[in-house]
Amino acid sequence: MTTPPATSTPPEAAPLMAPPLMRRMACWLYEGMLMFGVVFIAGYLFSTLTQTRHALDNRHLQQAFLFVVFGIYFAWFWAKGQTLAMKTWHIRVVNRQGQALSQGHALLRYLLSWLWLLPPLAVSGALGLPGGEVAVITIGWITVWALLSRFHAERQFLHDALAGTRLVHYHPPEPPKRKR
């Protein structure tokens, strides 16, 4: 009998490590800056299609439109593995088995990711708090939410644990070296 040759461990089988919290939060902030462009283009499109002339006209309809646009943006990019901000910070989103997300799985992650913002905004709205207090409560909530990942066994955010997804460090393949 012959024994099969030893094979090296493929990169996909390597343990999937969560990026450090500071890098994930830097990516989160960068993603927020990139979303300004998405909001601008989507807002312009909405205003043009609805002939809205004043910013407060159709406000709730525009918010619903932006919610859908954000959902399409994130679900599409997450199903491909990364947004532009995630590429910059070498972060990838995968399922629990380390594979790419389906569109449905990415959409579930999108819906659960609103746990970053909806609770403080709902409390602030219910209590009728002024803008400064809303900002303090929101920043406090985001800080607590982010720090909770330190208590997760795999250092994942709560919405990722609930959605069955993981943020992992991603080493992009090196480009082939050119011959001289």
N, C-alpha and C. Protein backbone atom coordinates (compact mmCIF):
# COMPACT_ATOMS: atom_id res chain seq x y z
N MET A 1 0.83 -1.19 0.00
CA MET A 1 0.00 0.00 0.00
C MET A 1 0.87 1.24 0.00
N THR A 2 0.39 2.21 -0.71
CA THR A 2 1.09 3.47 -0.73
C THR A 2 0.27 4.51 0.02
N THR A 3 0.97 5.38 0.65
CA THR A 3 0.28 6.44 1.37
C THR A 3 0.15 7.66 0.46
N PRO A 4 -0.96 8.37 0.59
CA PRO A 4 -1.10 9.56 -0.25
C PRO A 4 -0.07 10.61 0.14
N PRO A 5 0.37 11.41 -0.83
CA PRO A 5 1.38 12.43 -0.51
C PRO A 5 0.80 13.48 0.43
N ALA A 6 1.66 14.00 1.26
CA ALA A 6 1.23 15.05 2.20
C ALA A 6 0.93 16.32 1.40
N THR A 7 -0.16 16.96 1.76
CA THR A 7 -0.53 18.20 1.08
C THR A 7 -0.41 19.35 2.05
N SER A 8 -0.09 20.47 1.51
CA SER A 8 -0.02 21.65 2.37
C SER A 8 -1.43 22.17 2.62
N THR A 9 -1.60 22.86 3.71
CA THR A 9 -2.90 23.40 4.07
C THR A 9 -3.23 24.57 3.14
N PRO A 10 -4.38 24.48 2.45
CA PRO A 10 -4.73 25.60 1.57
C PRO A 10 -5.03 26.84 2.40
N PRO A 11 -4.87 28.03 1.81
CA PRO A 11 -5.09 29.26 2.57
C PRO A 11 -6.51 29.36 3.11
N GLU A 12 -7.49 28.75 2.40
CA GLU A 12 -8.87 28.83 2.86
C GLU A 12 -9.07 28.07 4.18
N ALA A 13 -8.22 27.06 4.42
CA ALA A 13 -8.38 26.25 5.61
C ALA A 13 -7.68 26.86 6.83
N ALA A 14 -6.90 27.89 6.60
CA ALA A 14 -6.23 28.56 7.71
C ALA A 14 -7.29 29.17 8.63
N PRO A 15 -6.98 29.29 9.92
CA PRO A 15 -7.98 29.85 10.83
C PRO A 15 -8.35 31.27 10.43
N LEU A 16 -9.63 31.56 10.51
CA LEU A 16 -10.12 32.89 10.15
C LEU A 16 -10.08 33.76 11.39
N MET A 17 -9.18 34.72 11.38
CA MET A 17 -8.99 35.59 12.53
C MET A 17 -9.74 36.90 12.32
N ALA A 18 -10.38 37.36 13.38
CA ALA A 18 -11.05 38.65 13.33
C ALA A 18 -10.00 39.76 13.36
N PRO A 19 -10.17 40.79 12.56
CA PRO A 19 -9.24 41.92 12.63
C PRO A 19 -9.36 42.61 13.98
N PRO A 20 -8.34 43.34 14.38
CA PRO A 20 -8.42 44.07 15.65
C PRO A 20 -9.60 45.06 15.64
N LEU A 21 -10.14 45.32 16.82
CA LEU A 21 -11.29 46.20 16.95
C LEU A 21 -11.01 47.58 16.38
N MET A 22 -9.85 48.13 16.61
CA MET A 22 -9.54 49.48 16.11
C MET A 22 -9.56 49.51 14.58
N ARG A 23 -9.07 48.46 13.94
CA ARG A 23 -9.09 48.42 12.48
C ARG A 23 -10.51 48.28 11.95
N ARG A 24 -11.33 47.48 12.63
CA ARG A 24 -12.73 47.34 12.21
C ARG A 24 -13.48 48.66 12.38
N MET A 25 -13.20 49.39 13.45
CA MET A 25 -13.87 50.67 13.67
C MET A 25 -13.36 51.73 12.69
N ALA A 26 -12.08 51.69 12.34
CA ALA A 26 -11.56 52.60 11.33
C ALA A 26 -12.23 52.33 9.98
N CYS A 27 -12.42 51.06 9.68
CA CYS A 27 -13.13 50.68 8.45
C CYS A 27 -14.57 51.18 8.50
N TRP A 28 -15.19 51.07 9.66
CA TRP A 28 -16.58 51.52 9.86
C TRP A 28 -16.68 53.02 9.60
N LEU A 29 -15.74 53.79 10.13
CA LEU A 29 -15.74 55.24 9.92
C LEU A 29 -15.48 55.58 8.44
N TYR A 30 -14.57 54.88 7.83
CA TYR A 30 -14.28 55.10 6.41
C TYR A 30 -15.52 54.77 5.57
N GLU A 31 -16.20 53.71 5.92
CA GLU A 31 -17.43 53.33 5.23
C GLU A 31 -18.47 54.45 5.36
N GLY A 32 -18.54 55.06 6.53
CA GLY A 32 -19.46 56.17 6.72
C GLY A 32 -19.14 57.34 5.82
N MET A 33 -17.85 57.64 5.64
CA MET A 33 -17.47 58.72 4.74
C MET A 33 -17.84 58.40 3.29
N LEU A 34 -17.63 57.15 2.89
CA LEU A 34 -17.97 56.75 1.53
C LEU A 34 -19.49 56.80 1.29
N MET A 35 -20.24 56.59 2.37
CA MET A 35 -21.70 56.61 2.23
C MET A 35 -22.22 58.01 1.92
N PHE A 36 -21.44 59.05 2.22
CA PHE A 36 -21.86 60.40 1.84
C PHE A 36 -22.06 60.49 0.33
N GLY A 37 -21.20 59.86 -0.43
CA GLY A 37 -21.35 59.85 -1.88
C GLY A 37 -22.59 59.10 -2.32
N VAL A 38 -22.85 57.97 -1.68
CA VAL A 38 -24.05 57.19 -1.99
C VAL A 38 -25.30 58.00 -1.65
N VAL A 39 -25.29 58.66 -0.50
CA VAL A 39 -26.44 59.49 -0.09
C VAL A 39 -26.63 60.64 -1.07
N PHE A 40 -25.55 61.27 -1.49
CA PHE A 40 -25.66 62.39 -2.41
C PHE A 40 -26.30 61.95 -3.72
N ILE A 41 -25.78 60.88 -4.31
CA ILE A 41 -26.30 60.42 -5.59
C ILE A 41 -27.75 59.93 -5.45
N ALA A 42 -28.03 59.14 -4.42
CA ALA A 42 -29.39 58.64 -4.22
C ALA A 42 -30.35 59.78 -3.90
N GLY A 43 -29.92 60.75 -3.09
CA GLY A 43 -30.77 61.89 -2.77
C GLY A 43 -31.06 62.73 -4.00
N TYR A 44 -30.06 62.93 -4.84
CA TYR A 44 -30.26 63.68 -6.08
C TYR A 44 -31.24 62.94 -6.99
N LEU A 45 -31.05 61.63 -7.11
CA LEU A 45 -31.96 60.83 -7.93
C LEU A 45 -33.39 60.90 -7.40
N PHE A 46 -33.53 60.75 -6.08
CA PHE A 46 -34.87 60.81 -5.48
C PHE A 46 -35.50 62.18 -5.70
N SER A 47 -34.76 63.24 -5.46
CA SER A 47 -35.30 64.59 -5.62
C SER A 47 -35.68 64.87 -7.07
N THR A 48 -34.90 64.36 -7.99
CA THR A 48 -35.21 64.57 -9.41
C THR A 48 -36.45 63.79 -9.81
N LEU A 49 -36.53 62.53 -9.39
CA LEU A 49 -37.68 61.70 -9.79
C LEU A 49 -38.98 62.16 -9.15
N THR A 50 -38.91 62.68 -7.93
CA THR A 50 -40.13 63.09 -7.23
C THR A 50 -40.39 64.59 -7.35
N GLN A 51 -39.48 65.31 -8.02
CA GLN A 51 -39.60 66.76 -8.17
C GLN A 51 -39.69 67.46 -6.82
N THR A 52 -38.95 66.96 -5.83
CA THR A 52 -38.91 67.56 -4.51
C THR A 52 -38.07 68.83 -4.56
N ARG A 53 -38.63 69.92 -4.09
CA ARG A 53 -37.93 71.21 -4.14
C ARG A 53 -37.44 71.65 -2.77
N HIS A 54 -37.95 71.06 -1.72
CA HIS A 54 -37.57 71.45 -0.37
C HIS A 54 -37.09 70.20 0.37
N ALA A 55 -36.04 70.34 1.14
CA ALA A 55 -35.42 69.18 1.80
C ALA A 55 -36.37 68.43 2.73
N LEU A 56 -37.33 69.12 3.32
CA LEU A 56 -38.23 68.44 4.25
C LEU A 56 -39.46 67.85 3.57
N ASP A 57 -39.68 68.18 2.30
CA ASP A 57 -40.78 67.55 1.57
C ASP A 57 -40.42 66.09 1.32
N ASN A 58 -41.37 65.22 1.49
CA ASN A 58 -41.19 63.78 1.25
C ASN A 58 -40.05 63.19 2.09
N ARG A 59 -39.81 63.76 3.24
CA ARG A 59 -38.68 63.34 4.08
C ARG A 59 -38.75 61.85 4.42
N HIS A 60 -39.91 61.37 4.85
CA HIS A 60 -40.00 59.96 5.26
C HIS A 60 -39.89 59.02 4.06
N LEU A 61 -40.44 59.43 2.95
CA LEU A 61 -40.31 58.63 1.73
C LEU A 61 -38.85 58.58 1.28
N GLN A 62 -38.16 59.72 1.40
CA GLN A 62 -36.74 59.74 1.04
C GLN A 62 -35.92 58.87 1.99
N GLN A 63 -36.24 58.87 3.27
CA GLN A 63 -35.53 58.02 4.22
C GLN A 63 -35.76 56.54 3.89
N ALA A 64 -36.97 56.19 3.52
CA ALA A 64 -37.26 54.81 3.13
C ALA A 64 -36.48 54.45 1.86
N PHE A 65 -36.42 55.38 0.92
CA PHE A 65 -35.67 55.16 -0.31
C PHE A 65 -34.19 54.93 0.00
N LEU A 66 -33.62 55.76 0.87
CA LEU A 66 -32.21 55.60 1.24
C LEU A 66 -31.97 54.27 1.96
N PHE A 67 -32.92 53.85 2.80
CA PHE A 67 -32.81 52.57 3.49
C PHE A 67 -32.70 51.44 2.46
N VAL A 68 -33.51 51.50 1.42
CA VAL A 68 -33.47 50.48 0.36
C VAL A 68 -32.17 50.58 -0.43
N VAL A 69 -31.75 51.79 -0.76
CA VAL A 69 -30.49 51.97 -1.51
C VAL A 69 -29.32 51.43 -0.70
N PHE A 70 -29.26 51.76 0.58
CA PHE A 70 -28.19 51.23 1.44
C PHE A 70 -28.23 49.71 1.48
N GLY A 71 -29.43 49.14 1.58
CA GLY A 71 -29.57 47.69 1.61
C GLY A 71 -29.03 47.05 0.34
N ILE A 72 -29.36 47.64 -0.80
CA ILE A 72 -28.84 47.12 -2.08
C ILE A 72 -27.33 47.25 -2.13
N TYR A 73 -26.82 48.41 -1.74
CA TYR A 73 -25.37 48.64 -1.75
C TYR A 73 -24.64 47.61 -0.90
N PHE A 74 -25.05 47.49 0.37
CA PHE A 74 -24.32 46.59 1.26
C PHE A 74 -24.54 45.12 0.92
N ALA A 75 -25.77 44.72 0.61
CA ALA A 75 -26.02 43.31 0.28
C ALA A 75 -25.23 42.91 -0.96
N TRP A 76 -25.16 43.79 -1.94
CA TRP A 76 -24.44 43.46 -3.16
C TRP A 76 -22.94 43.31 -2.89
N PHE A 77 -22.35 44.29 -2.19
CA PHE A 77 -20.91 44.22 -1.92
C PHE A 77 -20.56 43.11 -0.94
N TRP A 78 -21.38 42.92 0.09
CA TRP A 78 -21.07 41.86 1.06
C TRP A 78 -21.19 40.48 0.43
N ALA A 79 -22.11 40.30 -0.50
CA ALA A 79 -22.21 39.01 -1.19
C ALA A 79 -20.96 38.76 -2.03
N LYS A 80 -20.27 39.82 -2.42
CA LYS A 80 -19.01 39.69 -3.14
C LYS A 80 -17.82 39.62 -2.17
N GLY A 81 -18.07 39.84 -0.88
CA GLY A 81 -17.04 39.68 0.14
C GLY A 81 -16.58 40.96 0.81
N GLN A 82 -16.60 42.09 0.07
CA GLN A 82 -16.04 43.32 0.64
C GLN A 82 -16.66 44.55 0.01
N THR A 83 -16.74 45.61 0.81
CA THR A 83 -17.01 46.94 0.27
C THR A 83 -15.66 47.58 -0.01
N LEU A 84 -15.68 48.77 -0.57
CA LEU A 84 -14.41 49.47 -0.84
C LEU A 84 -13.64 49.73 0.45
N ALA A 85 -14.35 50.14 1.50
CA ALA A 85 -13.69 50.38 2.78
C ALA A 85 -13.08 49.10 3.33
N MET A 86 -13.77 48.00 3.18
CA MET A 86 -13.25 46.72 3.67
C MET A 86 -12.01 46.29 2.88
N LYS A 87 -11.98 46.57 1.59
CA LYS A 87 -10.79 46.27 0.79
C LYS A 87 -9.61 47.08 1.28
N THR A 88 -9.86 48.35 1.56
CA THR A 88 -8.79 49.24 2.03
C THR A 88 -8.19 48.74 3.34
N TRP A 89 -9.03 48.25 4.23
CA TRP A 89 -8.58 47.81 5.55
C TRP A 89 -8.34 46.31 5.63
N HIS A 90 -8.35 45.61 4.49
CA HIS A 90 -8.07 44.17 4.42
C HIS A 90 -9.01 43.36 5.33
N ILE A 91 -10.29 43.65 5.20
CA ILE A 91 -11.31 42.94 5.97
C ILE A 91 -12.28 42.32 4.97
N ARG A 92 -12.74 41.13 5.30
CA ARG A 92 -13.69 40.43 4.44
C ARG A 92 -14.82 39.91 5.32
N VAL A 93 -16.03 39.86 4.78
CA VAL A 93 -17.16 39.28 5.50
C VAL A 93 -17.46 37.92 4.88
N VAL A 94 -17.57 36.92 5.75
CA VAL A 94 -17.83 35.54 5.32
C VAL A 94 -18.88 34.94 6.24
N ASN A 95 -19.39 33.76 5.86
CA ASN A 95 -20.32 33.07 6.75
C ASN A 95 -19.52 32.28 7.78
N ARG A 96 -20.20 31.53 8.62
CA ARG A 96 -19.50 30.82 9.71
C ARG A 96 -18.50 29.79 9.19
N GLN A 97 -18.74 29.28 7.98
CA GLN A 97 -17.83 28.29 7.40
C GLN A 97 -16.69 28.95 6.62
N GLY A 98 -16.67 30.27 6.57
CA GLY A 98 -15.60 30.97 5.87
C GLY A 98 -15.87 31.16 4.39
N GLN A 99 -17.10 30.93 3.95
CA GLN A 99 -17.46 31.06 2.54
C GLN A 99 -18.17 32.39 2.29
N ALA A 100 -18.30 32.74 1.02
CA ALA A 100 -18.97 33.98 0.64
C ALA A 100 -20.43 33.94 1.07
N LEU A 101 -20.98 35.12 1.33
CA LEU A 101 -22.38 35.23 1.74
C LEU A 101 -23.29 35.16 0.53
N SER A 102 -24.48 34.61 0.73
CA SER A 102 -25.51 34.69 -0.28
C SER A 102 -26.15 36.08 -0.19
N GLN A 103 -26.92 36.45 -1.20
CA GLN A 103 -27.60 37.75 -1.16
C GLN A 103 -28.53 37.82 0.04
N GLY A 104 -29.25 36.74 0.32
CA GLY A 104 -30.17 36.72 1.46
C GLY A 104 -29.44 36.87 2.79
N HIS A 105 -28.32 36.19 2.90
CA HIS A 105 -27.52 36.27 4.13
C HIS A 105 -26.95 37.68 4.31
N ALA A 106 -26.52 38.28 3.21
CA ALA A 106 -26.00 39.65 3.26
C ALA A 106 -27.11 40.63 3.64
N LEU A 107 -28.32 40.39 3.14
CA LEU A 107 -29.45 41.25 3.48
C LEU A 107 -29.81 41.12 4.96
N LEU A 108 -29.76 39.90 5.50
CA LEU A 108 -30.00 39.70 6.93
C LEU A 108 -28.96 40.46 7.74
N ARG A 109 -27.70 40.40 7.34
CA ARG A 109 -26.64 41.13 8.04
C ARG A 109 -26.91 42.63 7.98
N TYR A 110 -27.37 43.11 6.83
CA TYR A 110 -27.69 44.53 6.71
C TYR A 110 -28.79 44.94 7.69
N LEU A 111 -29.84 44.17 7.75
CA LEU A 111 -30.95 44.51 8.66
C LEU A 111 -30.49 44.49 10.11
N LEU A 112 -29.70 43.49 10.49
CA LEU A 112 -29.21 43.41 11.86
C LEU A 112 -28.17 44.48 12.18
N SER A 113 -27.48 44.97 11.16
CA SER A 113 -26.48 46.01 11.41
C SER A 113 -27.12 47.33 11.84
N TRP A 114 -28.41 47.48 11.64
CA TRP A 114 -29.09 48.70 12.10
C TRP A 114 -29.15 48.75 13.62
N LEU A 115 -28.80 47.66 14.30
CA LEU A 115 -28.72 47.69 15.76
C LEU A 115 -27.63 48.64 16.24
N TRP A 116 -26.73 49.06 15.34
CA TRP A 116 -25.72 50.06 15.68
C TRP A 116 -26.36 51.41 15.93
N LEU A 117 -27.47 51.72 15.25
CA LEU A 117 -28.02 53.07 15.30
C LEU A 117 -29.47 53.18 15.78
N LEU A 118 -30.30 52.21 15.48
CA LEU A 118 -31.72 52.36 15.78
C LEU A 118 -32.06 52.49 17.27
N PRO A 119 -31.49 51.71 18.18
CA PRO A 119 -31.87 51.86 19.60
C PRO A 119 -31.63 53.26 20.16
N PRO A 120 -30.45 53.86 19.98
CA PRO A 120 -30.31 55.22 20.54
C PRO A 120 -31.19 56.24 19.83
N LEU A 121 -31.41 56.07 18.54
CA LEU A 121 -32.27 57.02 17.83
C LEU A 121 -33.73 56.86 18.27
N ALA A 122 -34.16 55.63 18.51
CA ALA A 122 -35.53 55.41 18.97
C ALA A 122 -35.75 56.00 20.36
N VAL A 123 -34.79 55.80 21.25
CA VAL A 123 -34.90 56.36 22.61
C VAL A 123 -34.89 57.88 22.54
N SER A 124 -33.99 58.43 21.75
CA SER A 124 -33.90 59.88 21.62
C SER A 124 -35.18 60.47 21.04
N GLY A 125 -35.75 59.81 20.06
CA GLY A 125 -37.00 60.28 19.46
C GLY A 125 -38.16 60.18 20.43
N ALA A 126 -38.21 59.08 21.19
CA ALA A 126 -39.30 58.89 22.15
C ALA A 126 -39.23 59.92 23.28
N LEU A 127 -38.02 60.30 23.67
CA LEU A 127 -37.86 61.26 24.75
C LEU A 127 -37.79 62.71 24.25
N GLY A 128 -37.76 62.89 22.93
CA GLY A 128 -37.69 64.24 22.37
C GLY A 128 -36.43 64.99 22.75
N LEU A 129 -35.30 64.30 22.73
CA LEU A 129 -34.03 64.91 23.14
C LEU A 129 -33.48 65.83 22.06
N PRO A 130 -32.77 66.89 22.47
CA PRO A 130 -32.13 67.78 21.48
C PRO A 130 -30.94 67.09 20.82
N GLY A 131 -30.47 67.68 19.71
CA GLY A 131 -29.41 67.09 18.89
C GLY A 131 -28.14 66.73 19.63
N GLY A 132 -27.69 67.59 20.54
CA GLY A 132 -26.46 67.30 21.28
C GLY A 132 -26.58 66.06 22.13
N GLU A 133 -27.70 65.89 22.79
CA GLU A 133 -27.90 64.71 23.62
C GLU A 133 -28.06 63.46 22.76
N VAL A 134 -28.69 63.61 21.60
CA VAL A 134 -28.81 62.48 20.67
C VAL A 134 -27.41 62.01 20.25
N ALA A 135 -26.53 62.97 19.96
CA ALA A 135 -25.16 62.63 19.56
C ALA A 135 -24.42 61.89 20.67
N VAL A 136 -24.55 62.37 21.91
CA VAL A 136 -23.87 61.73 23.04
C VAL A 136 -24.39 60.31 23.25
N ILE A 137 -25.70 60.15 23.22
CA ILE A 137 -26.29 58.81 23.41
C ILE A 137 -25.89 57.88 22.28
N THR A 138 -25.89 58.38 21.06
CA THR A 138 -25.53 57.55 19.91
C THR A 138 -24.06 57.13 19.98
N ILE A 139 -23.17 58.06 20.27
CA ILE A 139 -21.74 57.73 20.37
C ILE A 139 -21.51 56.76 21.52
N GLY A 140 -22.19 56.96 22.65
CA GLY A 140 -22.07 56.03 23.77
C GLY A 140 -22.55 54.64 23.41
N TRP A 141 -23.68 54.56 22.72
CA TRP A 141 -24.21 53.26 22.31
C TRP A 141 -23.25 52.55 21.36
N ILE A 142 -22.72 53.29 20.38
CA ILE A 142 -21.79 52.70 19.41
C ILE A 142 -20.54 52.19 20.12
N THR A 143 -20.06 52.94 21.09
CA THR A 143 -18.88 52.52 21.85
C THR A 143 -19.15 51.23 22.61
N VAL A 144 -20.28 51.18 23.31
CA VAL A 144 -20.64 49.96 24.05
C VAL A 144 -20.82 48.80 23.09
N TRP A 145 -21.52 49.04 21.98
CA TRP A 145 -21.78 47.98 21.00
C TRP A 145 -20.47 47.42 20.46
N ALA A 146 -19.53 48.30 20.15
CA ALA A 146 -18.23 47.85 19.63
C ALA A 146 -17.45 47.08 20.69
N LEU A 147 -17.45 47.58 21.93
CA LEU A 147 -16.70 46.91 23.00
C LEU A 147 -17.28 45.56 23.37
N LEU A 148 -18.55 45.34 23.10
CA LEU A 148 -19.15 44.03 23.38
C LEU A 148 -18.49 42.92 22.57
N SER A 149 -17.88 43.29 21.44
CA SER A 149 -17.21 42.27 20.62
C SER A 149 -16.02 41.67 21.37
N ARG A 150 -15.48 42.38 22.33
CA ARG A 150 -14.36 41.85 23.11
C ARG A 150 -14.76 40.63 23.93
N PHE A 151 -16.06 40.49 24.22
CA PHE A 151 -16.55 39.37 25.03
C PHE A 151 -17.00 38.19 24.18
N HIS A 152 -17.07 38.36 22.88
CA HIS A 152 -17.45 37.26 21.99
C HIS A 152 -16.25 36.35 21.79
N ALA A 153 -16.48 35.05 21.74
CA ALA A 153 -15.38 34.08 21.64
C ALA A 153 -14.50 34.33 20.42
N GLU A 154 -15.10 34.77 19.31
CA GLU A 154 -14.33 35.01 18.09
C GLU A 154 -14.12 36.50 17.83
N ARG A 155 -14.41 37.34 18.83
CA ARG A 155 -14.23 38.79 18.74
C ARG A 155 -15.11 39.42 17.65
N GLN A 156 -16.28 38.85 17.41
CA GLN A 156 -17.19 39.35 16.39
C GLN A 156 -18.21 40.30 17.02
N PHE A 157 -18.74 41.21 16.19
CA PHE A 157 -19.81 42.10 16.64
C PHE A 157 -21.08 41.28 16.84
N LEU A 158 -21.97 41.77 17.69
CA LEU A 158 -23.19 41.05 18.01
C LEU A 158 -24.05 40.83 16.78
N HIS A 159 -24.16 41.82 15.90
CA HIS A 159 -25.00 41.62 14.71
C HIS A 159 -24.41 40.55 13.79
N ASP A 160 -23.09 40.41 13.77
CA ASP A 160 -22.48 39.33 12.98
C ASP A 160 -22.77 37.98 13.60
N ALA A 161 -22.70 37.89 14.92
CA ALA A 161 -23.02 36.62 15.60
C ALA A 161 -24.47 36.24 15.34
N LEU A 162 -25.37 37.20 15.40
CA LEU A 162 -26.79 36.93 15.16
C LEU A 162 -27.06 36.55 13.71
N ALA A 163 -26.34 37.16 12.78
CA ALA A 163 -26.55 36.89 11.36
C ALA A 163 -25.80 35.65 10.87
N GLY A 164 -24.90 35.12 11.69
CA GLY A 164 -24.11 33.97 11.26
C GLY A 164 -23.00 34.36 10.30
N THR A 165 -22.50 35.58 10.46
CA THR A 165 -21.41 36.06 9.61
C THR A 165 -20.20 36.38 10.46
N ARG A 166 -19.08 36.59 9.79
CA ARG A 166 -17.85 36.92 10.50
C ARG A 166 -17.06 37.93 9.69
N LEU A 167 -16.42 38.83 10.38
CA LEU A 167 -15.43 39.70 9.75
C LEU A 167 -14.07 39.05 9.98
N VAL A 168 -13.32 38.90 8.92
CA VAL A 168 -12.02 38.23 9.03
C VAL A 168 -10.95 39.07 8.35
N HIS A 169 -9.72 38.88 8.80
CA HIS A 169 -8.58 39.52 8.15
C HIS A 169 -8.39 38.85 6.80
N TYR A 170 -8.14 39.66 5.78
CA TYR A 170 -8.00 39.14 4.43
C TYR A 170 -6.69 39.62 3.84
N HIS A 171 -5.88 38.67 3.41
CA HIS A 171 -4.63 38.99 2.73
C HIS A 171 -4.89 38.93 1.24
N PRO A 172 -4.88 40.07 0.54
CA PRO A 172 -5.10 40.00 -0.90
C PRO A 172 -3.95 39.28 -1.59
N PRO A 173 -4.25 38.58 -2.67
CA PRO A 173 -3.16 37.89 -3.37
C PRO A 173 -2.16 38.89 -3.93
N GLU A 174 -0.91 38.51 -3.89
CA GLU A 174 0.13 39.40 -4.41
C GLU A 174 0.12 39.36 -5.93
N PRO A 175 0.32 40.51 -6.55
CA PRO A 175 0.37 40.51 -8.03
C PRO A 175 1.60 39.75 -8.51
N PRO A 176 1.51 39.13 -9.70
CA PRO A 176 2.68 38.42 -10.20
C PRO A 176 3.83 39.37 -10.47
N LYS A 177 5.03 38.87 -10.22
CA LYS A 177 6.21 39.70 -10.42
C LYS A 177 6.57 39.71 -11.91
N ARG A 178 6.93 40.89 -12.36
CA ARG A 178 7.29 41.05 -13.77
C ARG A 178 8.75 40.71 -13.98
N LYS A 179 9.00 40.08 -15.11
CA LYS A 179 10.39 39.76 -15.46
C LYS A 179 10.99 40.96 -16.17
N ARG A 180 12.27 41.14 -15.96
CA ARG A 180 12.96 42.28 -16.59
C ARG A 180 13.59 41.86 -17.87
